[in-house]
Amino acid sequence: MGLELYLDLLSQPCRSIYIFARSNNIPFEFKHVELFKGLTCAFYQAITFKKPYLGLPTSPDSVAWFCCANGTSYPAKLEASITAGPSNSEGAGKVSLLKKVPALKDGDFTLAECTAILLYLSRKYNTPDHWYPSDIQKRARVDEYLSWHHANIRANAPKTMWIKVLIPLFTGQPLPSEKLQEVMEGLSTSLKQFEERFLQDKAFIIGSEISLADLVAIVELMQPVGVGCDIFEDRPRLREWRRRVEDAVGKELFFQAHEMILNIKELSNIQIDPQLKEQLAPVLMKMLK
């Protein structure tokens, strides 16, 4: 039994694992987990045919998986409702005791959490040293960034998608512009620290070659880009770093992994079942607190 990766490319951590595995020619079976059952189908119809998809089902497990993927608790009444489906939700639930994506299954061994999976893959498949250097000080720099990332870049960047796309989609009402401004101010502070503390005048975070730190950072920063907040436009140092990351992993792979997020605004063309709206709206609002 070979390596299986349970991923949804709407998720930033899933994209980092997908790009890492593909760019290092790691053989794996891609088990697609839809955070919203039916949403991916609807989404692709919206971006391909430029028209709404009317068949989006209401599904408690969709709510549960979405909440888990975003680190948010979901109503207890939904927990017992996670069911099997074509999106591999049940398989991922068995693989990950935390009921979260990404998840890895390698024979009888299972693993959750993005950083743990990236490190496991780098060690098992002996990927090039620059990803997670053997040099103890360079490795410490990667660890330092990964520790800082969650409370800073990851704490702010995803909220742009919730504010500009998901919350209006599920509540039917846009949020006040002040809310987006508040999030963008927090993100700007994090980006300033990222440039001054981590990137500095280097090509990549730890020096002249890409590492796991760069990969984890870039997938997160593409989230605001997908909703029209081009954080790279007025930041030339950050923009050049992004270009180097794209070149390092391959532009075709980079944009394949980000296809859905770069077209996320097309979700506004999708009609959501009222019951699913009722379930998701308070969860999404809670994420902003």
C-alpha atoms as a PDB file:
ATOM      1  CA  MET A   1       0.000   0.000   0.000  1.00  0.00           C
ATOM      2  CA  GLY A   2       1.546   3.288  -1.118  1.00  0.00           C
ATOM      3  CA  LEU A   3       1.548   6.806   0.233  1.00  0.00           C
ATOM      4  CA  GLU A   4      -1.836   8.547   0.375  1.00  0.00           C
ATOM      5  CA  LEU A   5      -2.281  12.273   0.933  1.00  0.00           C
ATOM      6  CA  TYR A   6      -5.717  13.595   1.908  1.00  0.00           C
ATOM      7  CA  LEU A   7      -5.858  17.182   0.676  1.00  0.00           C
ATOM      8  CA  ASP A   8      -8.093  20.013  -0.468  1.00  0.00           C
ATOM      9  CA  LEU A   9      -6.240  22.660  -2.472  1.00  0.00           C
ATOM     10  CA  LEU A  10      -8.492  25.393  -1.102  1.00  0.00           C
ATOM     11  CA  SER A  11      -6.505  24.852   2.105  1.00  0.00           C
ATOM     12  CA  GLN A  12      -3.146  26.589   2.388  1.00  0.00           C
ATOM     13  CA  PRO A  13      -1.419  23.771   4.381  1.00  0.00           C
ATOM     14  CA  CYS A  14      -2.695  21.237   1.834  1.00  0.00           C
ATOM     15  CA  ARG A  15      -1.219  23.286  -1.003  1.00  0.00           C
ATOM     16  CA  SER A  16       2.195  23.380   0.654  1.00  0.00           C
ATOM     17  CA  ILE A  17       2.239  19.589   0.967  1.00  0.00           C
ATOM     18  CA  TYR A  18       0.974  19.104  -2.581  1.00  0.00           C
ATOM     19  CA  ILE A  19       3.637  21.431  -4.051  1.00  0.00           C
ATOM     20  CA  PHE A  20       6.390  19.890  -1.933  1.00  0.00           C
ATOM     21  CA  ALA A  21       5.497  16.327  -2.923  1.00  0.00           C
ATOM     22  CA  ARG A  22       5.103  17.116  -6.621  1.00  0.00           C
ATOM     23  CA  SER A  23       8.242  19.261  -6.885  1.00  0.00           C
ATOM     24  CA  ASN A  24      10.282  16.465  -5.279  1.00  0.00           C
ATOM     25  CA  ASN A  25       8.729  13.712  -7.426  1.00  0.00           C
ATOM     26  CA  ILE A  26       7.368  11.914  -4.380  1.00  0.00           C
ATOM     27  CA  PRO A  27       4.912   9.227  -5.543  1.00  0.00           C
ATOM     28  CA  PHE A  28       1.554   9.501  -3.807  1.00  0.00           C
ATOM     29  CA  GLU A  29      -2.139   8.945  -4.327  1.00  0.00           C
ATOM     30  CA  PHE A  30      -4.030  12.217  -4.140  1.00  0.00           C
ATOM     31  CA  LYS A  31      -7.140  11.677  -2.021  1.00  0.00           C
ATOM     32  CA  HIS A  32      -9.287  14.726  -2.598  1.00  0.00           C
ATOM     33  CA  VAL A  33     -11.236  15.863   0.458  1.00  0.00           C
ATOM     34  CA  GLU A  34     -13.815  18.544  -0.282  1.00  0.00           C
ATOM     35  CA  LEU A  35     -14.168  20.888   2.676  1.00  0.00           C
ATOM     36  CA  PHE A  36     -17.660  21.496   1.340  1.00  0.00           C
ATOM     37  CA  LYS A  37     -19.137  18.463  -0.365  1.00  0.00           C
ATOM     38  CA  GLY A  38     -20.315  19.637  -3.741  1.00  0.00           C
ATOM     39  CA  LEU A  39     -18.584  23.003  -3.428  1.00  0.00           C
ATOM     40  CA  THR A  40     -15.632  21.957  -5.568  1.00  0.00           C
ATOM     41  CA  CYS A  41     -17.954  20.763  -8.309  1.00  0.00           C
ATOM     42  CA  ALA A  42     -19.896  23.994  -8.074  1.00  0.00           C
ATOM     43  CA  PHE A  43     -16.722  26.018  -8.014  1.00  0.00           C
ATOM     44  CA  TYR A  44     -15.261  24.414 -11.108  1.00  0.00           C
ATOM     45  CA  GLN A  45     -18.517  24.896 -12.968  1.00  0.00           C
ATOM     46  CA  ALA A  46     -18.501  28.561 -11.963  1.00  0.00           C
ATOM     47  CA  ILE A  47     -14.923  29.206 -13.120  1.00  0.00           C
ATOM     48  CA  THR A  48     -15.197  27.040 -16.239  1.00  0.00           C
ATOM     49  CA  PHE A  49     -18.651  27.872 -17.545  1.00  0.00           C
ATOM     50  CA  LYS A  50     -19.151  31.242 -15.777  1.00  0.00           C
ATOM     51  CA  LYS A  51     -22.566  30.244 -14.487  1.00  0.00           C
ATOM     52  CA  PRO A  52     -23.989  29.170 -11.124  1.00  0.00           C
ATOM     53  CA  TYR A  53     -24.221  25.572 -10.070  1.00  0.00           C
ATOM     54  CA  LEU A  54     -27.640  24.874  -8.587  1.00  0.00           C
ATOM     55  CA  GLY A  55     -27.078  21.447  -7.068  1.00  0.00           C
ATOM     56  CA  LEU A  56     -24.999  22.266  -3.987  1.00  0.00           C
ATOM     57  CA  PRO A  57     -26.162  19.896  -1.231  1.00  0.00           C
ATOM     58  CA  THR A  58     -26.523  20.652   2.429  1.00  0.00           C
ATOM     59  CA  SER A  59     -24.161  18.414   4.380  1.00  0.00           C
ATOM     60  CA  PRO A  60     -23.247  18.463   8.093  1.00  0.00           C
ATOM     61  CA  ASP A  61     -19.874  16.852   7.388  1.00  0.00           C
ATOM     62  CA  SER A  62     -19.095  19.701   5.007  1.00  0.00           C
ATOM     63  CA  VAL A  63     -19.477  22.116   7.873  1.00  0.00           C
ATOM     64  CA  ALA A  64     -17.405  19.948  10.192  1.00  0.00           C
ATOM     65  CA  TRP A  65     -14.510  19.491   7.787  1.00  0.00           C
ATOM     66  CA  PHE A  66     -14.430  23.178   6.900  1.00  0.00           C
ATOM     67  CA  CYS A  67     -14.310  24.165  10.552  1.00  0.00           C
ATOM     68  CA  CYS A  68     -11.547  21.676  11.334  1.00  0.00           C
ATOM     69  CA  ALA A  69      -9.485  22.788   8.361  1.00  0.00           C
ATOM     70  CA  ASN A  70      -9.629  26.342   9.644  1.00  0.00           C
ATOM     71  CA  GLY A  71      -8.898  25.451  13.253  1.00  0.00           C
ATOM     72  CA  THR A  72     -12.390  26.279  14.461  1.00  0.00           C
ATOM     73  CA  SER A  73     -14.696  24.153  16.577  1.00  0.00           C
ATOM     74  CA  TYR A  74     -18.053  23.198  15.152  1.00  0.00           C
ATOM     75  CA  PRO A  75     -21.416  22.469  16.781  1.00  0.00           C
ATOM     76  CA  ALA A  76     -21.414  19.181  18.648  1.00  0.00           C
ATOM     77  CA  LYS A  77     -24.599  18.048  16.905  1.00  0.00           C
ATOM     78  CA  LEU A  78     -22.632  17.921  13.647  1.00  0.00           C
ATOM     79  CA  GLU A  79     -19.829  15.711  14.963  1.00  0.00           C
ATOM     80  CA  ALA A  80     -21.863  12.529  14.808  1.00  0.00           C
ATOM     81  CA  SER A  81     -23.064  13.342  11.296  1.00  0.00           C
ATOM     82  CA  ILE A  82     -19.809  12.904   9.375  1.00  0.00           C
ATOM     83  CA  THR A  83     -20.664  10.416   6.647  1.00  0.00           C
ATOM     84  CA  ALA A  84     -19.018   8.718   3.722  1.00  0.00           C
ATOM     85  CA  GLY A  85     -18.941  10.425   0.362  1.00  0.00           C
ATOM     86  CA  PRO A  86     -17.064  10.765  -2.896  1.00  0.00           C
ATOM     87  CA  SER A  87     -14.837  13.452  -1.421  1.00  0.00           C
ATOM     88  CA  ASN A  88     -12.883  10.987   0.820  1.00  0.00           C
ATOM     89  CA  SER A  89     -14.062  12.756   4.008  1.00  0.00           C
ATOM     90  CA  GLU A  90     -14.614   9.443   5.783  1.00  0.00           C
ATOM     91  CA  GLY A  91     -11.203   8.145   4.744  1.00  0.00           C
ATOM     92  CA  ALA A  92      -9.500  11.278   5.962  1.00  0.00           C
ATOM     93  CA  GLY A  93     -11.440  11.105   9.226  1.00  0.00           C
ATOM     94  CA  LYS A  94     -10.071   7.626   9.827  1.00  0.00           C
ATOM     95  CA  VAL A  95      -6.542   8.671   8.889  1.00  0.00           C
ATOM     96  CA  SER A  96      -6.501  11.788  11.059  1.00  0.00           C
ATOM     97  CA  LEU A  97      -7.609  11.350  14.654  1.00  0.00           C
ATOM     98  CA  LEU A  98      -8.055  15.119  14.690  1.00  0.00           C
ATOM     99  CA  LYS A  99     -10.496  14.914  11.753  1.00  0.00           C
ATOM    100  CA  LYS A 100      -8.489  17.510   9.891  1.00  0.00           C
ATOM    101  CA  VAL A 101      -6.836  17.975   6.557  1.00  0.00           C
ATOM    102  CA  PRO A 102      -4.101  17.609   5.519  1.00  0.00           C
ATOM    103  CA  ALA A 103      -3.657  13.987   6.497  1.00  0.00           C
ATOM    104  CA  LEU A 104      -1.145  11.313   5.454  1.00  0.00           C
ATOM    105  CA  LYS A 105      -1.424   7.528   5.281  1.00  0.00           C
ATOM    106  CA  ASP A 106       1.689   5.486   4.548  1.00  0.00           C
ATOM    107  CA  GLY A 107       0.843   1.816   4.883  1.00  0.00           C
ATOM    108  CA  ASP A 108      -0.411   1.408   8.435  1.00  0.00           C
ATOM    109  CA  PHE A 109       1.124   4.702   9.540  1.00  0.00           C
ATOM    110  CA  THR A 110      -1.036   7.821   9.702  1.00  0.00           C
ATOM    111  CA  LEU A 111      -0.121  11.422  10.387  1.00  0.00           C
ATOM    112  CA  ALA A 112      -1.821  14.809  10.693  1.00  0.00           C
ATOM    113  CA  GLU A 113      -0.647  18.451  10.821  1.00  0.00           C
ATOM    114  CA  CYS A 114       1.089  20.204   7.953  1.00  0.00           C
ATOM    115  CA  THR A 115       4.543  20.695   9.470  1.00  0.00           C
ATOM    116  CA  ALA A 116       4.715  17.110  10.719  1.00  0.00           C
ATOM    117  CA  ILE A 117       3.767  15.805   7.265  1.00  0.00           C
ATOM    118  CA  LEU A 118       6.295  18.026   5.465  1.00  0.00           C
ATOM    119  CA  LEU A 119       9.087  16.892   7.795  1.00  0.00           C
ATOM    120  CA  TYR A 120       8.088  13.244   7.466  1.00  0.00           C
ATOM    121  CA  LEU A 121       8.177  13.456   3.669  1.00  0.00           C
ATOM    122  CA  SER A 122      11.510  15.283   3.631  1.00  0.00           C
ATOM    123  CA  ARG A 123      13.098  12.637   5.846  1.00  0.00           C
ATOM    124  CA  LYS A 124      11.578   9.532   4.302  1.00  0.00           C
ATOM    125  CA  TYR A 125      12.263  10.562   0.715  1.00  0.00           C
ATOM    126  CA  ASN A 126      15.622  12.186   1.458  1.00  0.00           C
ATOM    127  CA  THR A 127      14.682  15.380  -0.365  1.00  0.00           C
ATOM    128  CA  PRO A 128      17.413  17.925  -1.191  1.00  0.00           C
ATOM    129  CA  ASP A 129      19.033  19.359   1.914  1.00  0.00           C
ATOM    130  CA  HIS A 130      17.939  22.943   1.249  1.00  0.00           C
ATOM    131  CA  TRP A 131      14.322  22.135   2.112  1.00  0.00           C
ATOM    132  CA  TYR A 132      15.159  21.316   5.745  1.00  0.00           C
ATOM    133  CA  PRO A 133      18.935  21.765   6.117  1.00  0.00           C
ATOM    134  CA  SER A 134      21.188  19.419   8.015  1.00  0.00           C
ATOM    135  CA  ASP A 135      23.172  22.456   9.163  1.00  0.00           C
ATOM    136  CA  ILE A 136      21.870  22.974  12.694  1.00  0.00           C
ATOM    137  CA  GLN A 137      21.705  26.778  12.506  1.00  0.00           C
ATOM    138  CA  LYS A 138      19.959  26.871   9.123  1.00  0.00           C
ATOM    139  CA  ARG A 139      17.503  24.256  10.353  1.00  0.00           C
ATOM    140  CA  ALA A 140      16.877  26.380  13.438  1.00  0.00           C
ATOM    141  CA  ARG A 141      15.997  29.320  11.161  1.00  0.00           C
ATOM    142  CA  VAL A 142      13.412  27.188   9.386  1.00  0.00           C
ATOM    143  CA  ASP A 143      12.008  26.105  12.745  1.00  0.00           C
ATOM    144  CA  GLU A 144      11.986  29.704  13.936  1.00  0.00           C
ATOM    145  CA  TYR A 145       9.929  30.862  10.976  1.00  0.00           C
ATOM    146  CA  LEU A 146       7.480  27.953  11.215  1.00  0.00           C
ATOM    147  CA  SER A 147       6.921  28.772  14.896  1.00  0.00           C
ATOM    148  CA  TRP A 148       6.380  32.480  14.168  1.00  0.00           C
ATOM    149  CA  HIS A 149       4.176  31.874  11.143  1.00  0.00           C
ATOM    150  CA  HIS A 150       1.062  30.594  12.909  1.00  0.00           C
ATOM    151  CA  ALA A 151       0.543  33.555  15.214  1.00  0.00           C
ATOM    152  CA  ASN A 152       1.339  36.135  12.547  1.00  0.00           C
ATOM    153  CA  ILE A 153       0.944  35.468   8.805  1.00  0.00           C
ATOM    154  CA  ARG A 154      -1.547  32.628   9.302  1.00  0.00           C
ATOM    155  CA  ALA A 155      -3.462  34.599  11.901  1.00  0.00           C
ATOM    156  CA  ASN A 156      -4.270  37.349   9.403  1.00  0.00           C
ATOM    157  CA  ALA A 157      -3.953  36.325   5.754  1.00  0.00           C
ATOM    158  CA  PRO A 158      -6.847  33.791   5.606  1.00  0.00           C
ATOM    159  CA  LYS A 159      -9.304  36.301   7.070  1.00  0.00           C
ATOM    160  CA  THR A 160      -9.253  38.294   3.832  1.00  0.00           C
ATOM    161  CA  MET A 161     -11.022  35.393   2.094  1.00  0.00           C
ATOM    162  CA  TRP A 162     -13.593  35.071   4.871  1.00  0.00           C
ATOM    163  CA  ILE A 163     -14.351  38.798   4.778  1.00  0.00           C
ATOM    164  CA  LYS A 164     -14.450  39.334   1.028  1.00  0.00           C
ATOM    165  CA  VAL A 165     -15.919  36.022  -0.172  1.00  0.00           C
ATOM    166  CA  LEU A 166     -17.108  33.424   2.321  1.00  0.00           C
ATOM    167  CA  ILE A 167     -18.998  35.505   4.864  1.00  0.00           C
ATOM    168  CA  PRO A 168     -20.909  37.511   2.206  1.00  0.00           C
ATOM    169  CA  LEU A 169     -21.624  34.232   0.388  1.00  0.00           C
ATOM    170  CA  PHE A 170     -23.137  32.555   3.448  1.00  0.00           C
ATOM    171  CA  THR A 171     -24.768  35.554   5.123  1.00  0.00           C
ATOM    172  CA  GLY A 172     -25.915  37.377   2.012  1.00  0.00           C
ATOM    173  CA  GLN A 173     -24.435  40.622   3.305  1.00  0.00           C
ATOM    174  CA  PRO A 174     -21.012  42.237   2.918  1.00  0.00           C
ATOM    175  CA  LEU A 175     -19.040  43.049   6.032  1.00  0.00           C
ATOM    176  CA  PRO A 176     -18.198  46.671   6.839  1.00  0.00           C
ATOM    177  CA  SER A 177     -15.063  47.904   5.062  1.00  0.00           C
ATOM    178  CA  GLU A 178     -13.596  48.692   8.484  1.00  0.00           C
ATOM    179  CA  LYS A 179     -13.335  44.965   9.200  1.00  0.00           C
ATOM    180  CA  LEU A 180     -11.200  44.344   6.124  1.00  0.00           C
ATOM    181  CA  GLN A 181      -9.092  47.387   6.945  1.00  0.00           C
ATOM    182  CA  GLU A 182      -8.480  46.032  10.445  1.00  0.00           C
ATOM    183  CA  VAL A 183      -7.337  42.683   9.056  1.00  0.00           C
ATOM    184  CA  MET A 184      -5.146  44.310   6.395  1.00  0.00           C
ATOM    185  CA  GLU A 185      -3.462  46.449   9.039  1.00  0.00           C
ATOM    186  CA  GLY A 186      -2.636  43.344  11.059  1.00  0.00           C
ATOM    187  CA  LEU A 187      -1.368  41.611   7.934  1.00  0.00           C
ATOM    188  CA  SER A 188       0.745  44.651   6.986  1.00  0.00           C
ATOM    189  CA  THR A 189       2.430  44.523  10.381  1.00  0.00           C
ATOM    190  CA  SER A 190       3.191  40.834   9.904  1.00  0.00           C
ATOM    191  CA  LEU A 191       4.507  41.425   6.380  1.00  0.00           C
ATOM    192  CA  LYS A 192       6.799  44.189   7.612  1.00  0.00           C
ATOM    193  CA  GLN A 193       8.211  41.825  10.230  1.00  0.00           C
ATOM    194  CA  PHE A 194       8.500  39.076   7.621  1.00  0.00           C
ATOM    195  CA  GLU A 195      10.570  41.284   5.314  1.00  0.00           C
ATOM    196  CA  GLU A 196      12.742  42.857   7.991  1.00  0.00           C
ATOM    197  CA  ARG A 197      13.260  39.892  10.308  1.00  0.00           C
ATOM    198  CA  PHE A 198      13.182  36.856   8.051  1.00  0.00           C
ATOM    199  CA  LEU A 199      13.700  37.815   4.405  1.00  0.00           C
ATOM    200  CA  GLN A 200      16.038  40.779   4.875  1.00  0.00           C
ATOM    201  CA  ASP A 201      18.283  41.068   1.787  1.00  0.00           C
ATOM    202  CA  LYS A 202      18.376  37.315   1.111  1.00  0.00           C
ATOM    203  CA  ALA A 203      16.922  35.470  -1.879  1.00  0.00           C
ATOM    204  CA  PHE A 204      14.976  33.138   0.438  1.00  0.00           C
ATOM    205  CA  ILE A 205      14.275  33.002   4.157  1.00  0.00           C
ATOM    206  CA  ILE A 206      17.399  31.025   5.081  1.00  0.00           C
ATOM    207  CA  GLY A 207      19.692  32.135   2.277  1.00  0.00           C
ATOM    208  CA  SER A 208      20.230  31.382  -1.392  1.00  0.00           C
ATOM    209  CA  GLU A 209      17.906  28.362  -1.674  1.00  0.00           C
ATOM    210  CA  ILE A 210      14.250  27.696  -0.996  1.00  0.00           C
ATOM    211  CA  SER A 211      13.219  25.917   2.206  1.00  0.00           C
ATOM    212  CA  LEU A 212      10.042  24.638   3.845  1.00  0.00           C
ATOM    213  CA  ALA A 213       9.740  28.066   5.475  1.00  0.00           C
ATOM    214  CA  ASP A 214       9.343  29.791   2.092  1.00  0.00           C
ATOM    215  CA  LEU A 215       6.803  27.237   0.940  1.00  0.00           C
ATOM    216  CA  VAL A 216       4.648  27.533   4.051  1.00  0.00           C
ATOM    217  CA  ALA A 217       4.791  31.320   3.804  1.00  0.00           C
ATOM    218  CA  ILE A 218       3.924  31.673   0.116  1.00  0.00           C
ATOM    219  CA  VAL A 219       0.822  29.478   0.143  1.00  0.00           C
ATOM    220  CA  GLU A 220      -0.580  31.558   2.992  1.00  0.00           C
ATOM    221  CA  LEU A 221       0.143  34.854   1.249  1.00  0.00           C
ATOM    222  CA  MET A 222      -1.643  33.756  -1.921  1.00  0.00           C
ATOM    223  CA  GLN A 223      -4.914  33.684   0.025  1.00  0.00           C
ATOM    224  CA  PRO A 224      -5.376  37.498  -0.009  1.00  0.00           C
ATOM    225  CA  VAL A 225      -4.215  37.656  -3.632  1.00  0.00           C
ATOM    226  CA  GLY A 226      -7.065  35.352  -4.607  1.00  0.00           C
ATOM    227  CA  VAL A 227      -9.651  37.785  -3.270  1.00  0.00           C
ATOM    228  CA  GLY A 228      -8.139  40.864  -4.882  1.00  0.00           C
ATOM    229  CA  CYS A 229      -5.841  42.067  -2.079  1.00  0.00           C
ATOM    230  CA  ASP A 230      -2.527  42.172  -3.929  1.00  0.00           C
ATOM    231  CA  ILE A 231      -0.119  42.383  -1.022  1.00  0.00           C
ATOM    232  CA  PHE A 232       2.867  42.088  -3.385  1.00  0.00           C
ATOM    233  CA  GLU A 233       2.071  45.123  -5.539  1.00  0.00           C
ATOM    234  CA  ASP A 234       3.693  47.801  -3.370  1.00  0.00           C
ATOM    235  CA  ARG A 235       6.330  45.553  -1.827  1.00  0.00           C
ATOM    236  CA  PRO A 236       9.116  45.006  -4.409  1.00  0.00           C
ATOM    237  CA  ARG A 237      11.264  42.893  -2.086  1.00  0.00           C
ATOM    238  CA  LEU A 238       8.314  40.615  -1.325  1.00  0.00           C
ATOM    239  CA  ARG A 239       7.308  40.523  -4.999  1.00  0.00           C
ATOM    240  CA  GLU A 240      10.779  39.395  -6.084  1.00  0.00           C
ATOM    241  CA  TRP A 241      10.820  36.755  -3.359  1.00  0.00           C
ATOM    242  CA  ARG A 242       7.488  35.414  -4.651  1.00  0.00           C
ATOM    243  CA  ARG A 243       8.907  35.236  -8.196  1.00  0.00           C
ATOM    244  CA  ARG A 244      11.923  33.271  -6.946  1.00  0.00           C
ATOM    245  CA  VAL A 245       9.695  30.828  -5.051  1.00  0.00           C
ATOM    246  CA  GLU A 246       7.570  30.266  -8.162  1.00  0.00           C
ATOM    247  CA  ASP A 247      10.699  29.612 -10.222  1.00  0.00           C
ATOM    248  CA  ALA A 248      12.118  27.250  -7.590  1.00  0.00           C
ATOM    249  CA  VAL A 249       9.054  24.973  -7.510  1.00  0.00           C
ATOM    250  CA  GLY A 250       8.077  25.528 -11.152  1.00  0.00           C
ATOM    251  CA  LYS A 251       5.514  28.042 -12.314  1.00  0.00           C
ATOM    252  CA  GLU A 252       3.224  25.436 -13.855  1.00  0.00           C
ATOM    253  CA  LEU A 253       3.006  23.483 -10.597  1.00  0.00           C
ATOM    254  CA  PHE A 254       2.656  26.676  -8.565  1.00  0.00           C
ATOM    255  CA  PHE A 255      -0.322  27.957 -10.527  1.00  0.00           C
ATOM    256  CA  GLN A 256      -1.898  24.507 -10.804  1.00  0.00           C
ATOM    257  CA  ALA A 257      -1.908  24.266  -6.999  1.00  0.00           C
ATOM    258  CA  HIS A 258      -3.337  27.795  -6.703  1.00  0.00           C
ATOM    259  CA  GLU A 259      -5.911  27.604  -9.505  1.00  0.00           C
ATOM    260  CA  MET A 260      -8.891  27.382  -7.183  1.00  0.00           C
ATOM    261  CA  ILE A 261      -7.801  30.091  -4.767  1.00  0.00           C
ATOM    262  CA  LEU A 262      -6.928  32.491  -7.600  1.00  0.00           C
ATOM    263  CA  ASN A 263     -10.479  32.085  -8.899  1.00  0.00           C
ATOM    264  CA  ILE A 264     -12.166  32.053  -5.491  1.00  0.00           C
ATOM    265  CA  LYS A 265     -14.208  35.198  -6.227  1.00  0.00           C
ATOM    266  CA  GLU A 266     -16.217  33.140  -8.718  1.00  0.00           C
ATOM    267  CA  LEU A 267     -17.903  31.574  -5.692  1.00  0.00           C
ATOM    268  CA  SER A 268     -20.205  34.595  -5.680  1.00  0.00           C
ATOM    269  CA  ASN A 269     -21.959  32.958  -8.655  1.00  0.00           C
ATOM    270  CA  ILE A 270     -22.890  29.882  -6.632  1.00  0.00           C
ATOM    271  CA  GLN A 271     -26.278  29.508  -4.990  1.00  0.00           C
ATOM    272  CA  ILE A 272     -26.021  28.027  -1.497  1.00  0.00           C
ATOM    273  CA  ASP A 273     -28.705  25.947   0.146  1.00  0.00           C
ATOM    274  CA  PRO A 274     -30.416  28.027   2.891  1.00  0.00           C
ATOM    275  CA  GLN A 275     -29.875  25.344   5.541  1.00  0.00           C
ATOM    276  CA  LEU A 276     -26.136  25.263   4.844  1.00  0.00           C
ATOM    277  CA  LYS A 277     -26.083  29.056   5.060  1.00  0.00           C
ATOM    278  CA  GLU A 278     -27.741  28.873   8.455  1.00  0.00           C
ATOM    279  CA  GLN A 279     -25.134  26.386   9.704  1.00  0.00           C
ATOM    280  CA  LEU A 280     -22.044  28.128   8.325  1.00  0.00           C
ATOM    281  CA  ALA A 281     -22.773  31.824   8.884  1.00  0.00           C
ATOM    282  CA  PRO A 282     -22.201  31.832  12.685  1.00  0.00           C
ATOM    283  CA  VAL A 283     -19.127  29.619  12.320  1.00  0.00           C
ATOM    284  CA  LEU A 284     -17.533  32.006   9.829  1.00  0.00           C
ATOM    285  CA  MET A 285     -18.340  35.017  11.986  1.00  0.00           C
ATOM    286  CA  LYS A 286     -16.710  33.277  14.946  1.00  0.00           C
ATOM    287  CA  MET A 287     -13.466  32.929  12.952  1.00  0.00           C
ATOM    288  CA  LEU A 288     -13.055  36.687  12.858  1.00  0.00           C
ATOM    289  CA  LYS A 289     -13.108  37.128  16.623  1.00  0.00           C
END
